[in-house]
Amino acid sequence: MGHFDEVEEAWSLSDAAREYAAQAEGELSSDDYLSTVFAASPQIDLERTQREGGHPVQRIFLKTPYGLQWRPQHKDWIPFRHGDIDLNNI
């Protein structure tokens, strides 16, 4: 899988979180998203997220060089890169 596809995976999870927020009643915390949207995804590196994502969670690490970062001012998740880019994987 190329890096573009990996970024698209991260955006898909971000979109899923937005859809969840639109259907939820009341304000959600970043931890709510982890337990209801992200934890079940096979794309998530749950161990690393629990270890390095913060308390409450601020970063979701994927099994690729990408992840999602919580933006409290917007109450949403956006992709970020946390790993090295392999230029042969473009």
N, C-alpha and C. Protein backbone atom coordinates (compact mmCIF):
# COMPACT_ATOMS: atom_id res chain seq x y z
N MET A 1 0.84 -1.17 0.00
CA MET A 1 0.00 0.00 0.00
C MET A 1 0.89 1.24 0.00
N GLY A 2 0.56 2.20 -0.83
CA GLY A 2 1.32 3.44 -0.91
C GLY A 2 0.92 4.42 0.17
N HIS A 3 1.75 5.44 0.33
CA HIS A 3 1.49 6.45 1.37
C HIS A 3 0.17 7.18 1.14
N PHE A 4 -0.17 7.43 -0.12
CA PHE A 4 -1.44 8.11 -0.39
C PHE A 4 -2.60 7.29 0.17
N ASP A 5 -2.57 5.98 -0.05
CA ASP A 5 -3.63 5.10 0.48
C ASP A 5 -3.64 5.10 2.00
N GLU A 6 -2.47 5.17 2.61
CA GLU A 6 -2.39 5.19 4.07
C GLU A 6 -2.99 6.48 4.64
N VAL A 7 -2.75 7.59 3.97
CA VAL A 7 -3.35 8.86 4.40
C VAL A 7 -4.87 8.79 4.22
N GLU A 8 -5.32 8.20 3.12
CA GLU A 8 -6.75 8.04 2.88
C GLU A 8 -7.41 7.21 3.99
N GLU A 9 -6.71 6.17 4.47
CA GLU A 9 -7.22 5.38 5.59
C GLU A 9 -7.43 6.26 6.82
N ALA A 10 -6.45 7.11 7.09
CA ALA A 10 -6.56 8.00 8.24
C ALA A 10 -7.75 8.96 8.06
N TRP A 11 -7.92 9.50 6.85
CA TRP A 11 -9.06 10.39 6.61
C TRP A 11 -10.38 9.65 6.76
N SER A 12 -10.43 8.39 6.36
CA SER A 12 -11.66 7.60 6.51
C SER A 12 -12.04 7.46 7.97
N LEU A 13 -11.06 7.22 8.83
CA LEU A 13 -11.33 7.14 10.26
C LEU A 13 -11.76 8.50 10.82
N SER A 14 -11.15 9.57 10.31
CA SER A 14 -11.54 10.91 10.72
C SER A 14 -13.00 11.18 10.33
N ASP A 15 -13.37 10.76 9.13
CA ASP A 15 -14.75 10.91 8.67
C ASP A 15 -15.72 10.10 9.53
N ALA A 16 -15.30 8.89 9.90
CA ALA A 16 -16.15 8.05 10.76
C ALA A 16 -16.38 8.73 12.11
N ALA A 17 -15.35 9.38 12.64
CA ALA A 17 -15.49 10.09 13.91
C ALA A 17 -16.45 11.27 13.76
N ARG A 18 -16.38 11.98 12.62
CA ARG A 18 -17.29 13.10 12.39
C ARG A 18 -18.74 12.62 12.29
N GLU A 19 -18.94 11.50 11.62
CA GLU A 19 -20.29 10.92 11.50
C GLU A 19 -20.82 10.52 12.88
N TYR A 20 -19.96 9.92 13.68
CA TYR A 20 -20.35 9.53 15.03
C TYR A 20 -20.75 10.77 15.85
N ALA A 21 -19.97 11.84 15.74
CA ALA A 21 -20.27 13.07 16.48
C ALA A 21 -21.59 13.68 16.03
N ALA A 22 -21.88 13.61 14.74
CA ALA A 22 -23.12 14.18 14.22
C ALA A 22 -24.34 13.43 14.75
N GLN A 23 -24.18 12.13 15.03
CA GLN A 23 -25.30 11.31 15.51
C GLN A 23 -25.40 11.27 17.03
N ALA A 24 -24.33 11.64 17.70
CA ALA A 24 -24.30 11.55 19.16
C ALA A 24 -25.12 12.67 19.80
N GLU A 25 -25.61 12.36 20.95
CA GLU A 25 -26.32 13.38 21.73
C GLU A 25 -25.37 13.91 22.79
N GLY A 26 -25.17 15.20 22.80
CA GLY A 26 -24.29 15.79 23.79
C GLY A 26 -22.85 15.88 23.30
N GLU A 27 -22.03 16.47 24.14
CA GLU A 27 -20.62 16.66 23.82
C GLU A 27 -19.84 15.38 24.08
N LEU A 28 -18.90 15.10 23.21
CA LEU A 28 -18.07 13.89 23.33
C LEU A 28 -16.66 14.26 23.75
N SER A 29 -16.05 13.40 24.53
CA SER A 29 -14.63 13.58 24.87
C SER A 29 -13.80 12.79 23.86
N SER A 30 -12.51 13.07 23.83
CA SER A 30 -11.63 12.33 22.92
C SER A 30 -11.62 10.84 23.28
N ASP A 31 -11.74 10.51 24.56
CA ASP A 31 -11.78 9.10 24.98
C ASP A 31 -13.04 8.39 24.48
N ASP A 32 -14.16 9.13 24.34
CA ASP A 32 -15.38 8.53 23.79
C ASP A 32 -15.13 8.01 22.38
N TYR A 33 -14.39 8.75 21.59
CA TYR A 33 -14.10 8.33 20.22
C TYR A 33 -13.23 7.07 20.21
N LEU A 34 -12.26 7.03 21.10
CA LEU A 34 -11.38 5.86 21.15
C LEU A 34 -12.18 4.60 21.43
N SER A 35 -13.04 4.66 22.42
CA SER A 35 -13.77 3.45 22.81
C SER A 35 -14.87 3.06 21.83
N THR A 36 -15.48 4.02 21.15
CA THR A 36 -16.62 3.69 20.30
C THR A 36 -16.32 3.67 18.81
N VAL A 37 -15.37 4.45 18.35
CA VAL A 37 -15.09 4.53 16.92
C VAL A 37 -13.78 3.83 16.55
N PHE A 38 -12.72 4.13 17.28
CA PHE A 38 -11.39 3.70 16.86
C PHE A 38 -10.96 2.33 17.36
N ALA A 39 -11.30 1.96 18.56
CA ALA A 39 -10.76 0.73 19.18
C ALA A 39 -11.06 -0.52 18.37
N ALA A 40 -12.18 -0.57 17.69
CA ALA A 40 -12.55 -1.77 16.93
C ALA A 40 -11.88 -1.85 15.56
N SER A 41 -11.24 -0.78 15.13
CA SER A 41 -10.63 -0.76 13.80
C SER A 41 -9.33 -1.56 13.78
N PRO A 42 -9.18 -2.44 12.80
CA PRO A 42 -7.91 -3.18 12.68
C PRO A 42 -6.74 -2.30 12.26
N GLN A 43 -7.02 -1.08 11.83
CA GLN A 43 -5.97 -0.15 11.42
C GLN A 43 -5.27 0.49 12.61
N ILE A 44 -5.89 0.48 13.78
CA ILE A 44 -5.37 1.16 14.96
C ILE A 44 -4.32 0.31 15.67
N ASP A 45 -3.23 0.95 16.03
CA ASP A 45 -2.23 0.33 16.91
C ASP A 45 -2.67 0.68 18.33
N LEU A 46 -3.55 -0.14 18.88
CA LEU A 46 -4.18 0.16 20.16
C LEU A 46 -3.16 0.20 21.31
N GLU A 47 -2.21 -0.71 21.31
CA GLU A 47 -1.20 -0.72 22.37
C GLU A 47 -0.40 0.58 22.39
N ARG A 48 0.04 1.01 21.21
CA ARG A 48 0.83 2.25 21.15
C ARG A 48 -0.05 3.46 21.51
N THR A 49 -1.29 3.44 21.05
CA THR A 49 -2.20 4.54 21.37
C THR A 49 -2.40 4.63 22.88
N GLN A 50 -2.60 3.50 23.53
CA GLN A 50 -2.79 3.51 24.99
C GLN A 50 -1.52 3.94 25.71
N ARG A 51 -0.37 3.60 25.15
CA ARG A 51 0.90 3.92 25.79
C ARG A 51 1.33 5.38 25.53
N GLU A 52 1.14 5.87 24.29
CA GLU A 52 1.69 7.17 23.91
C GLU A 52 0.64 8.21 23.52
N GLY A 53 -0.61 7.84 23.49
CA GLY A 53 -1.65 8.73 22.99
C GLY A 53 -2.11 9.80 23.96
N GLY A 54 -1.73 9.68 25.22
CA GLY A 54 -2.12 10.68 26.22
C GLY A 54 -3.33 10.25 27.02
N HIS A 55 -3.54 10.97 28.12
CA HIS A 55 -4.66 10.71 29.03
C HIS A 55 -5.28 12.05 29.41
N PRO A 56 -6.40 12.47 28.87
CA PRO A 56 -7.20 11.76 27.88
C PRO A 56 -6.46 11.66 26.54
N VAL A 57 -6.88 10.74 25.72
CA VAL A 57 -6.19 10.47 24.47
C VAL A 57 -6.20 11.70 23.55
N GLN A 58 -5.04 12.02 23.01
CA GLN A 58 -4.88 13.15 22.09
C GLN A 58 -4.39 12.69 20.72
N ARG A 59 -3.83 11.48 20.67
CA ARG A 59 -3.32 10.94 19.41
C ARG A 59 -3.70 9.47 19.30
N ILE A 60 -4.13 9.11 18.10
CA ILE A 60 -4.46 7.74 17.76
C ILE A 60 -3.40 7.29 16.75
N PHE A 61 -2.68 6.23 17.06
CA PHE A 61 -1.63 5.74 16.17
C PHE A 61 -2.16 4.60 15.32
N LEU A 62 -1.95 4.71 14.01
CA LEU A 62 -2.30 3.62 13.11
C LEU A 62 -1.09 2.71 12.96
N LYS A 63 -1.29 1.59 12.33
CA LYS A 63 -0.19 0.65 12.09
C LYS A 63 0.66 1.07 10.91
N THR A 64 0.37 2.22 10.34
CA THR A 64 1.14 2.83 9.27
C THR A 64 1.88 4.03 9.87
N PRO A 65 2.61 4.80 9.07
CA PRO A 65 3.27 5.99 9.62
C PRO A 65 2.32 7.14 9.95
N TYR A 66 1.03 6.90 9.89
CA TYR A 66 0.05 7.96 10.09
C TYR A 66 -0.82 7.68 11.31
N GLY A 67 -1.52 8.71 11.73
CA GLY A 67 -2.43 8.58 12.85
C GLY A 67 -3.42 9.72 12.83
N LEU A 68 -4.15 9.87 13.92
CA LEU A 68 -5.11 10.96 14.06
C LEU A 68 -4.78 11.75 15.30
N GLN A 69 -4.92 13.06 15.20
CA GLN A 69 -4.65 13.95 16.33
C GLN A 69 -5.91 14.72 16.66
N TRP A 70 -6.23 14.77 17.95
CA TRP A 70 -7.41 15.47 18.46
C TRP A 70 -7.17 16.97 18.42
N ARG A 71 -8.14 17.70 17.86
CA ARG A 71 -8.09 19.17 17.87
C ARG A 71 -9.21 19.65 18.80
N PRO A 72 -8.87 19.97 20.06
CA PRO A 72 -9.91 20.33 21.02
C PRO A 72 -10.69 21.58 20.64
N GLN A 73 -10.05 22.53 19.97
CA GLN A 73 -10.75 23.75 19.59
C GLN A 73 -11.84 23.49 18.54
N HIS A 74 -11.67 22.42 17.74
CA HIS A 74 -12.66 22.05 16.72
C HIS A 74 -13.44 20.80 17.10
N LYS A 75 -12.98 20.12 18.14
CA LYS A 75 -13.59 18.88 18.60
C LYS A 75 -13.68 17.85 17.47
N ASP A 76 -12.52 17.66 16.80
CA ASP A 76 -12.45 16.67 15.73
C ASP A 76 -11.05 16.08 15.65
N TRP A 77 -10.91 15.12 14.76
CA TRP A 77 -9.65 14.39 14.57
C TRP A 77 -9.12 14.66 13.16
N ILE A 78 -7.82 14.94 13.06
CA ILE A 78 -7.21 15.13 11.75
C ILE A 78 -5.97 14.23 11.65
N PRO A 79 -5.63 13.80 10.44
CA PRO A 79 -4.44 12.96 10.26
C PRO A 79 -3.15 13.70 10.57
N PHE A 80 -2.18 12.93 11.03
CA PHE A 80 -0.81 13.43 11.22
C PHE A 80 0.13 12.28 10.90
N ARG A 81 1.38 12.60 10.63
CA ARG A 81 2.39 11.57 10.35
C ARG A 81 3.26 11.40 11.57
N HIS A 82 3.43 10.15 12.01
CA HIS A 82 4.27 9.88 13.19
C HIS A 82 5.46 9.00 12.88
N GLY A 83 5.56 8.56 11.64
CA GLY A 83 6.65 7.66 11.29
C GLY A 83 7.41 8.15 10.06
N ASP A 84 8.47 7.46 9.77
CA ASP A 84 9.28 7.81 8.60
C ASP A 84 8.55 7.44 7.33
N ILE A 85 8.85 8.18 6.28
CA ILE A 85 8.28 7.93 4.96
C ILE A 85 9.28 7.12 4.15
N ASP A 86 8.83 6.00 3.62
CA ASP A 86 9.64 5.17 2.73
C ASP A 86 9.39 5.64 1.30
N LEU A 87 10.36 6.31 0.70
CA LEU A 87 10.17 6.87 -0.64
C LEU A 87 9.94 5.79 -1.70
N ASN A 88 10.25 4.55 -1.40
CA ASN A 88 9.96 3.46 -2.33
C ASN A 88 8.50 3.04 -2.27
N ASN A 89 7.75 3.59 -1.32
CA ASN A 89 6.35 3.23 -1.10
C ASN A 89 5.41 4.32 -1.62
N ILE A 90 5.85 5.08 -2.60
CA ILE A 90 5.03 6.18 -3.11
C ILE A 90 4.26 5.74 -4.34
